[in-house]
Amino acid sequence: MTEIREVDRFECRVISVIQNLAWKGVTVEEKDTKGRVYFGRVSGEIEINPGDTFYLGIRPLYEIEDKTMRVTLYDAEDKKLDWTLV
């Protein structure tokens, strides 16, 4: 099995966007596995719409409160938008 490196990126599609006061809640779906990840603190200034393409970066972690990965959301210019532990 190939180890996932932090520099690896996985294409994903935006499923839903929830607008809060200063943040957006964004759910994305990975293209191949159809796995979904929710990011709750994406800047409200960034233009994100359902159907848009973004990228996931995954970094394996030692278990932190039953979490095993840090998943980061990136745009096409490799700018980090938010991260979450899963």
Protein backbone atom coordinates (compact mmCIF):
# COMPACT_ATOMS: atom_id res chain seq x y z
CA MET A 1 0.00 0.00 0.00
CA THR A 2 1.30 3.45 -0.87
CA GLU A 3 1.61 5.87 2.02
CA ILE A 4 -0.37 9.08 1.70
CA ARG A 5 1.88 12.13 1.88
CA GLU A 6 0.81 15.63 2.92
CA VAL A 7 1.73 16.94 -0.54
CA ASP A 8 -0.71 14.52 -2.21
CA ARG A 9 -3.90 16.19 -3.39
CA PHE A 10 -7.24 14.55 -4.17
CA GLU A 11 -9.79 16.23 -6.41
CA CYS A 12 -13.18 16.86 -4.84
CA ARG A 13 -16.47 18.50 -5.75
CA VAL A 14 -18.39 20.92 -3.55
CA ILE A 15 -21.70 19.35 -2.48
CA SER A 16 -23.16 22.11 -0.30
CA VAL A 17 -22.34 25.54 1.09
CA ILE A 18 -23.88 27.02 4.24
CA GLN A 19 -23.34 30.78 4.70
CA ASN A 20 -22.84 31.94 8.31
CA LEU A 21 -21.93 35.45 9.42
CA ALA A 22 -18.17 35.37 8.76
CA TRP A 23 -17.67 31.76 7.65
CA LYS A 24 -19.01 29.20 5.23
CA GLY A 25 -19.68 25.57 6.02
CA VAL A 26 -18.60 23.54 3.00
CA THR A 27 -19.20 19.85 2.33
CA VAL A 28 -17.04 18.29 -0.37
CA GLU A 29 -17.05 14.83 -1.95
CA GLU A 30 -13.85 13.10 -3.10
CA LYS A 31 -14.06 12.25 -6.78
CA ASP A 32 -13.07 8.54 -6.71
CA THR A 33 -14.22 7.21 -3.32
CA LYS A 34 -17.30 9.46 -2.94
CA GLY A 35 -16.19 10.06 0.67
CA ARG A 36 -17.44 13.34 2.12
CA VAL A 37 -15.77 15.84 4.44
CA TYR A 38 -17.31 18.90 6.11
CA PHE A 39 -15.26 22.08 6.66
CA GLY A 40 -16.92 24.49 9.07
CA ARG A 41 -14.68 27.56 8.91
CA VAL A 42 -14.02 28.49 5.29
CA SER A 43 -13.67 32.26 4.85
CA GLY A 44 -16.94 33.92 3.83
CA GLU A 45 -15.01 36.08 1.35
CA ILE A 46 -14.08 33.11 -0.85
CA GLU A 47 -16.42 32.38 -3.76
CA ILE A 48 -17.52 28.74 -3.41
CA ASN A 49 -20.54 27.19 -5.08
CA PRO A 50 -21.95 23.65 -5.30
CA GLY A 51 -20.27 21.82 -8.17
CA ASP A 52 -16.95 23.71 -7.87
CA THR A 53 -13.73 21.69 -7.87
CA PHE A 54 -11.29 21.90 -4.95
CA TYR A 55 -8.59 19.61 -3.59
CA LEU A 56 -8.06 17.64 -0.39
CA GLY A 57 -4.67 17.23 1.27
CA ILE A 58 -4.44 14.43 3.82
CA ARG A 59 -1.88 14.00 6.57
CA PRO A 60 -1.97 10.86 8.72
CA LEU A 61 -1.72 11.54 12.46
CA TYR A 62 -1.17 9.51 15.55
CA GLU A 63 -4.57 9.14 17.11
CA ILE A 64 -5.76 12.33 18.77
CA GLU A 65 -9.10 11.74 20.52
CA ASP A 66 -9.97 8.99 18.02
CA LYS A 67 -8.92 11.16 15.05
CA THR A 68 -6.44 9.62 12.60
CA MET A 69 -6.08 12.20 9.79
CA ARG A 70 -5.85 15.93 9.24
CA VAL A 71 -7.72 16.81 6.04
CA THR A 72 -7.05 20.20 4.44
CA LEU A 73 -9.11 21.93 1.74
CA TYR A 74 -7.15 23.70 -1.03
CA ASP A 75 -8.16 25.74 -4.06
CA ALA A 76 -6.68 25.36 -7.57
CA GLU A 77 -3.77 27.71 -6.68
CA ASP A 78 -2.87 25.44 -3.72
CA LYS A 79 -4.12 28.02 -1.19
CA LYS A 80 -5.23 26.46 2.11
CA LEU A 81 -8.87 27.28 2.88
CA ASP A 82 -9.60 25.20 6.03
CA TRP A 83 -8.73 21.95 7.77
CA THR A 84 -10.41 19.38 9.99
CA LEU A 85 -9.50 16.24 11.92
CA VAL A 86 -11.24 13.01 10.89
